[in-house]
Amino acid sequence: MMKKGLLTMLLSMTAATVHAEYIGPRKSFPKPITVAEAKQLNDDARLTLEGFITGHLRGDHYLFRDDTGEISVEIEDEVWKGIEIGADTNVILYGELEHEFGSLEVEVDRLEVVKTGSRR
């Protein structure tokens, strides 16, 4: 009988759990810049890029391209949020430039698909 009461209590606590999502202020990001401009920034600079993810390098690392060049980007699973894109999908990446081991990479905090007619 005690097990049944405990089970009922646990189930009611689970049912009362509500999915929450933070909707308050986000980190501020600058207006989009080009890959060429990003390569001139200092380590840990916040940036926004608009262009295309053209390939998968390894793990969470991808190749990003715009009209001025290419740069490696790191996009972790939680950033993708189920978004599926192709090499021809225009995206905006929000992140931070990382100088590591003599190379540059953008650590992506947020990814958005550019809707047709809403270029920034």
N, C-alpha and C. Protein backbone atom coordinates (compact mmCIF):
# COMPACT_ATOMS: atom_id res chain seq x y z
N MET A 1 0.83 -1.20 0.00
CA MET A 1 0.00 0.00 0.00
C MET A 1 0.87 1.25 0.00
N MET A 2 1.98 1.22 0.79
CA MET A 2 2.86 2.38 0.86
C MET A 2 3.52 2.65 -0.49
N LYS A 3 3.87 1.57 -1.22
CA LYS A 3 4.47 1.73 -2.54
C LYS A 3 3.50 2.40 -3.49
N LYS A 4 2.24 2.03 -3.40
CA LYS A 4 1.22 2.61 -4.27
C LYS A 4 1.06 4.11 -3.99
N GLY A 5 1.08 4.49 -2.72
CA GLY A 5 0.97 5.91 -2.35
C GLY A 5 2.17 6.70 -2.82
N LEU A 6 3.37 6.13 -2.70
CA LEU A 6 4.59 6.78 -3.16
C LEU A 6 4.57 6.94 -4.67
N LEU A 7 4.13 5.92 -5.37
CA LEU A 7 4.03 5.97 -6.82
C LEU A 7 3.04 7.04 -7.25
N THR A 8 1.90 7.11 -6.59
CA THR A 8 0.90 8.14 -6.90
C THR A 8 1.46 9.53 -6.68
N MET A 9 2.20 9.72 -5.59
CA MET A 9 2.80 11.02 -5.30
C MET A 9 3.83 11.40 -6.37
N LEU A 10 4.67 10.46 -6.77
CA LEU A 10 5.68 10.74 -7.80
C LEU A 10 5.03 11.07 -9.14
N LEU A 11 4.00 10.33 -9.50
CA LEU A 11 3.30 10.60 -10.75
C LEU A 11 2.64 11.97 -10.75
N SER A 12 2.05 12.36 -9.64
CA SER A 12 1.40 13.67 -9.58
C SER A 12 2.43 14.78 -9.63
N MET A 13 3.61 14.56 -9.06
CA MET A 13 4.67 15.57 -9.13
C MET A 13 5.18 15.70 -10.56
N THR A 14 5.29 14.58 -11.26
CA THR A 14 5.73 14.59 -12.65
C THR A 14 4.71 15.30 -13.52
N ALA A 15 3.45 15.05 -13.30
CA ALA A 15 2.40 15.67 -14.09
C ALA A 15 2.36 17.17 -13.88
N ALA A 16 2.78 17.62 -12.72
CA ALA A 16 2.75 19.05 -12.42
C ALA A 16 3.95 19.79 -12.99
N THR A 17 4.94 19.05 -13.51
CA THR A 17 6.12 19.68 -14.10
C THR A 17 5.72 20.39 -15.38
N VAL A 18 6.16 21.62 -15.54
CA VAL A 18 5.83 22.42 -16.70
C VAL A 18 7.11 22.71 -17.48
N HIS A 19 7.05 22.59 -18.78
CA HIS A 19 8.19 22.93 -19.62
C HIS A 19 8.31 24.45 -19.64
N ALA A 20 9.49 24.93 -19.31
CA ALA A 20 9.72 26.38 -19.29
C ALA A 20 10.83 26.74 -20.26
N GLU A 21 10.73 27.93 -20.82
CA GLU A 21 11.76 28.43 -21.72
C GLU A 21 12.01 29.88 -21.37
N TYR A 22 13.28 30.25 -21.29
CA TYR A 22 13.65 31.63 -20.97
C TYR A 22 13.28 32.54 -22.13
N ILE A 23 12.54 33.61 -21.85
CA ILE A 23 12.15 34.55 -22.90
C ILE A 23 12.61 35.96 -22.60
N GLY A 24 13.45 36.11 -21.60
CA GLY A 24 13.97 37.42 -21.23
C GLY A 24 15.05 37.90 -22.18
N PRO A 25 15.76 38.95 -21.79
CA PRO A 25 16.81 39.52 -22.65
C PRO A 25 17.88 38.49 -22.98
N ARG A 26 18.39 38.56 -24.19
CA ARG A 26 19.46 37.68 -24.63
C ARG A 26 20.75 38.47 -24.72
N LYS A 27 21.85 37.75 -24.90
CA LYS A 27 23.12 38.41 -25.13
C LYS A 27 22.95 39.28 -26.37
N SER A 28 23.52 40.45 -26.34
CA SER A 28 23.38 41.31 -27.52
C SER A 28 24.46 40.95 -28.54
N PHE A 29 24.07 40.93 -29.78
CA PHE A 29 24.98 40.61 -30.87
C PHE A 29 25.01 41.78 -31.83
N PRO A 30 26.16 42.04 -32.42
CA PRO A 30 26.26 43.12 -33.41
C PRO A 30 25.58 42.73 -34.71
N LYS A 31 25.44 43.70 -35.61
CA LYS A 31 24.88 43.43 -36.94
C LYS A 31 25.82 42.48 -37.68
N PRO A 32 25.27 41.73 -38.65
CA PRO A 32 26.11 40.77 -39.38
C PRO A 32 27.33 41.41 -40.05
N ILE A 33 28.44 40.69 -39.98
CA ILE A 33 29.66 41.10 -40.67
C ILE A 33 30.06 39.96 -41.60
N THR A 34 31.09 40.19 -42.40
CA THR A 34 31.55 39.16 -43.34
C THR A 34 32.60 38.27 -42.68
N VAL A 35 32.86 37.14 -43.30
CA VAL A 35 33.91 36.24 -42.82
C VAL A 35 35.25 36.97 -42.84
N ALA A 36 35.51 37.74 -43.89
CA ALA A 36 36.77 38.48 -43.98
C ALA A 36 36.91 39.45 -42.80
N GLU A 37 35.84 40.13 -42.43
CA GLU A 37 35.88 41.03 -41.28
C GLU A 37 36.05 40.25 -39.98
N ALA A 38 35.40 39.10 -39.87
CA ALA A 38 35.50 38.29 -38.66
C ALA A 38 36.94 37.86 -38.41
N LYS A 39 37.66 37.55 -39.48
CA LYS A 39 39.04 37.09 -39.34
C LYS A 39 39.97 38.18 -38.81
N GLN A 40 39.52 39.41 -38.80
CA GLN A 40 40.32 40.52 -38.28
C GLN A 40 40.03 40.83 -36.81
N LEU A 41 39.01 40.20 -36.24
CA LEU A 41 38.60 40.48 -34.87
C LEU A 41 39.51 39.81 -33.85
N ASN A 42 39.48 40.34 -32.64
CA ASN A 42 40.24 39.77 -31.53
C ASN A 42 39.54 38.54 -30.97
N ASP A 43 40.29 37.74 -30.24
CA ASP A 43 39.76 36.56 -29.57
C ASP A 43 38.59 36.96 -28.67
N ASP A 44 37.58 36.13 -28.61
CA ASP A 44 36.39 36.31 -27.78
C ASP A 44 35.46 37.42 -28.24
N ALA A 45 35.68 37.96 -29.44
CA ALA A 45 34.78 39.01 -29.96
C ALA A 45 33.43 38.41 -30.30
N ARG A 46 32.34 39.07 -29.90
CA ARG A 46 30.98 38.65 -30.24
C ARG A 46 30.75 39.02 -31.70
N LEU A 47 30.08 38.16 -32.44
CA LEU A 47 29.86 38.46 -33.85
C LEU A 47 28.59 37.79 -34.37
N THR A 48 28.16 38.28 -35.50
CA THR A 48 27.02 37.73 -36.23
C THR A 48 27.45 37.56 -37.68
N LEU A 49 27.19 36.38 -38.23
CA LEU A 49 27.54 36.10 -39.63
C LEU A 49 26.29 35.65 -40.37
N GLU A 50 26.22 36.02 -41.64
CA GLU A 50 25.13 35.53 -42.49
C GLU A 50 25.72 34.87 -43.71
N GLY A 51 25.27 33.66 -43.99
CA GLY A 51 25.79 32.93 -45.14
C GLY A 51 25.29 31.50 -45.12
N PHE A 52 26.20 30.55 -45.40
CA PHE A 52 25.80 29.16 -45.61
C PHE A 52 26.75 28.19 -44.91
N ILE A 53 26.18 27.16 -44.31
CA ILE A 53 26.98 26.08 -43.75
C ILE A 53 27.13 25.08 -44.89
N THR A 54 28.36 24.95 -45.38
CA THR A 54 28.58 24.18 -46.61
C THR A 54 29.14 22.79 -46.41
N GLY A 55 29.53 22.47 -45.18
CA GLY A 55 30.06 21.13 -44.98
C GLY A 55 30.27 20.79 -43.52
N HIS A 56 30.37 19.50 -43.26
CA HIS A 56 30.63 18.99 -41.93
C HIS A 56 32.10 18.60 -41.86
N LEU A 57 32.84 19.13 -40.89
CA LEU A 57 34.26 18.83 -40.76
C LEU A 57 34.50 17.63 -39.86
N ARG A 58 33.96 17.69 -38.63
CA ARG A 58 34.08 16.60 -37.65
C ARG A 58 33.25 16.98 -36.44
N GLY A 59 32.70 16.00 -35.76
CA GLY A 59 31.96 16.27 -34.52
C GLY A 59 30.99 17.43 -34.66
N ASP A 60 31.19 18.47 -33.83
CA ASP A 60 30.33 19.66 -33.85
C ASP A 60 30.91 20.76 -34.74
N HIS A 61 31.86 20.45 -35.60
CA HIS A 61 32.56 21.46 -36.39
C HIS A 61 32.12 21.40 -37.85
N TYR A 62 31.79 22.60 -38.38
CA TYR A 62 31.27 22.73 -39.73
C TYR A 62 32.02 23.84 -40.47
N LEU A 63 31.85 23.90 -41.77
CA LEU A 63 32.44 24.95 -42.58
C LEU A 63 31.35 25.94 -42.97
N PHE A 64 31.60 27.22 -42.69
CA PHE A 64 30.66 28.30 -43.00
C PHE A 64 31.25 29.15 -44.11
N ARG A 65 30.41 29.61 -45.05
CA ARG A 65 30.87 30.40 -46.18
C ARG A 65 29.96 31.60 -46.42
N ASP A 66 30.58 32.70 -46.79
CA ASP A 66 29.83 33.84 -47.34
C ASP A 66 30.60 34.30 -48.58
N ASP A 67 30.25 35.44 -49.14
CA ASP A 67 30.90 35.91 -50.37
C ASP A 67 32.37 36.27 -50.19
N THR A 68 32.83 36.40 -48.94
CA THR A 68 34.21 36.85 -48.70
C THR A 68 35.15 35.74 -48.24
N GLY A 69 34.63 34.55 -47.98
CA GLY A 69 35.51 33.47 -47.56
C GLY A 69 34.83 32.41 -46.72
N GLU A 70 35.65 31.56 -46.09
CA GLU A 70 35.16 30.46 -45.27
C GLU A 70 35.81 30.51 -43.90
N ILE A 71 35.09 29.95 -42.92
CA ILE A 71 35.61 29.86 -41.56
C ILE A 71 34.98 28.64 -40.89
N SER A 72 35.72 28.03 -39.99
CA SER A 72 35.21 26.90 -39.23
C SER A 72 34.28 27.41 -38.14
N VAL A 73 33.18 26.70 -37.92
CA VAL A 73 32.24 27.06 -36.86
C VAL A 73 31.94 25.81 -36.03
N GLU A 74 31.73 26.03 -34.73
CA GLU A 74 31.35 24.93 -33.84
C GLU A 74 29.91 25.13 -33.43
N ILE A 75 29.07 24.15 -33.76
CA ILE A 75 27.64 24.23 -33.45
C ILE A 75 27.27 22.98 -32.67
N GLU A 76 27.01 23.14 -31.38
CA GLU A 76 26.66 22.00 -30.54
C GLU A 76 25.19 21.61 -30.77
N ASP A 77 24.86 20.38 -30.41
CA ASP A 77 23.53 19.84 -30.66
C ASP A 77 22.40 20.72 -30.14
N GLU A 78 22.56 21.30 -28.94
CA GLU A 78 21.47 22.10 -28.38
C GLU A 78 21.23 23.40 -29.16
N VAL A 79 22.22 23.84 -29.94
CA VAL A 79 22.04 25.04 -30.77
C VAL A 79 21.20 24.73 -32.00
N TRP A 80 21.34 23.53 -32.53
CA TRP A 80 20.58 23.14 -33.72
C TRP A 80 19.08 23.16 -33.47
N LYS A 81 18.63 22.75 -32.30
CA LYS A 81 17.21 22.72 -31.94
C LYS A 81 16.34 22.06 -33.01
N GLY A 82 16.85 21.01 -33.61
CA GLY A 82 16.07 20.27 -34.59
C GLY A 82 16.00 20.91 -35.96
N ILE A 83 16.69 22.03 -36.17
CA ILE A 83 16.68 22.70 -37.47
C ILE A 83 17.48 21.87 -38.46
N GLU A 84 16.91 21.61 -39.62
CA GLU A 84 17.61 20.90 -40.68
C GLU A 84 17.87 21.87 -41.81
N ILE A 85 19.12 21.92 -42.27
CA ILE A 85 19.47 22.84 -43.35
C ILE A 85 20.32 22.11 -44.38
N GLY A 86 20.39 22.69 -45.55
CA GLY A 86 21.25 22.19 -46.61
C GLY A 86 22.31 23.24 -46.91
N ALA A 87 23.22 22.91 -47.81
CA ALA A 87 24.30 23.83 -48.17
C ALA A 87 23.79 25.10 -48.84
N ASP A 88 22.55 25.09 -49.30
CA ASP A 88 21.98 26.27 -49.96
C ASP A 88 20.99 27.03 -49.05
N THR A 89 20.96 26.68 -47.76
CA THR A 89 20.07 27.35 -46.81
C THR A 89 20.80 28.54 -46.20
N ASN A 90 20.27 29.73 -46.41
CA ASN A 90 20.87 30.94 -45.86
C ASN A 90 20.59 31.01 -44.35
N VAL A 91 21.65 31.14 -43.55
CA VAL A 91 21.51 31.16 -42.10
C VAL A 91 22.22 32.37 -41.50
N ILE A 92 21.81 32.69 -40.29
CA ILE A 92 22.51 33.70 -39.49
C ILE A 92 23.04 32.98 -38.26
N LEU A 93 24.33 33.16 -38.00
CA LEU A 93 24.98 32.57 -36.84
C LEU A 93 25.36 33.66 -35.86
N TYR A 94 25.08 33.44 -34.60
CA TYR A 94 25.44 34.38 -33.54
C TYR A 94 26.45 33.64 -32.65
N GLY A 95 27.59 34.26 -32.39
CA GLY A 95 28.58 33.55 -31.60
C GLY A 95 29.76 34.40 -31.18
N GLU A 96 30.85 33.69 -30.95
CA GLU A 96 32.06 34.30 -30.41
C GLU A 96 33.26 33.74 -31.17
N LEU A 97 34.18 34.62 -31.56
CA LEU A 97 35.38 34.21 -32.27
C LEU A 97 36.38 33.61 -31.30
N GLU A 98 36.92 32.46 -31.65
CA GLU A 98 37.91 31.78 -30.81
C GLU A 98 39.20 31.58 -31.59
N HIS A 99 40.29 32.08 -31.04
CA HIS A 99 41.62 31.83 -31.60
C HIS A 99 42.17 30.64 -30.83
N GLU A 100 42.29 29.49 -31.47
CA GLU A 100 42.78 28.30 -30.79
C GLU A 100 43.80 27.58 -31.65
N PHE A 101 44.94 27.29 -31.06
CA PHE A 101 45.99 26.50 -31.71
C PHE A 101 46.34 27.04 -33.10
N GLY A 102 46.42 28.36 -33.21
CA GLY A 102 46.81 28.98 -34.47
C GLY A 102 45.73 29.04 -35.51
N SER A 103 44.49 28.69 -35.17
CA SER A 103 43.40 28.77 -36.14
C SER A 103 42.24 29.56 -35.56
N LEU A 104 41.33 29.93 -36.42
CA LEU A 104 40.13 30.68 -36.02
C LEU A 104 38.91 29.79 -36.12
N GLU A 105 38.00 29.99 -35.19
CA GLU A 105 36.74 29.26 -35.21
C GLU A 105 35.69 30.11 -34.52
N VAL A 106 34.46 30.00 -34.98
CA VAL A 106 33.35 30.69 -34.34
C VAL A 106 32.59 29.67 -33.50
N GLU A 107 32.48 29.96 -32.21
CA GLU A 107 31.67 29.12 -31.32
C GLU A 107 30.26 29.69 -31.37
N VAL A 108 29.33 28.95 -31.97
CA VAL A 108 27.98 29.44 -32.25
C VAL A 108 27.07 29.25 -31.04
N ASP A 109 26.41 30.36 -30.63
CA ASP A 109 25.44 30.34 -29.53
C ASP A 109 24.02 30.16 -30.03
N ARG A 110 23.76 30.68 -31.24
CA ARG A 110 22.40 30.66 -31.78
C ARG A 110 22.46 30.60 -33.30
N LEU A 111 21.52 29.90 -33.91
CA LEU A 111 21.44 29.74 -35.35
C LEU A 111 20.01 30.04 -35.78
N GLU A 112 19.86 30.82 -36.84
CA GLU A 112 18.53 31.12 -37.39
C GLU A 112 18.57 30.92 -38.90
N VAL A 113 17.49 30.40 -39.44
CA VAL A 113 17.34 30.30 -40.89
C VAL A 113 16.77 31.63 -41.36
N VAL A 114 17.37 32.19 -42.43
CA VAL A 114 16.89 33.45 -42.99
C VAL A 114 15.65 33.15 -43.82
N LYS A 115 14.58 33.79 -43.47
CA LYS A 115 13.33 33.62 -44.22
C LYS A 115 13.41 34.45 -45.49
N THR A 116 12.86 33.94 -46.57
CA THR A 116 12.85 34.64 -47.85
C THR A 116 12.25 36.03 -47.68
N GLY A 117 12.94 37.03 -48.21
CA GLY A 117 12.45 38.40 -48.13
C GLY A 117 12.75 39.09 -46.82
N SER A 118 13.50 38.46 -45.91
CA SER A 118 13.78 39.11 -44.63
C SER A 118 15.27 39.29 -44.37
N ARG A 119 16.02 39.45 -45.45
CA ARG A 119 17.47 39.67 -45.31
C ARG A 119 17.72 40.87 -44.43
N ARG A 120 18.75 40.71 -43.62
CA ARG A 120 19.08 41.79 -42.68
C ARG A 120 20.17 42.64 -43.23
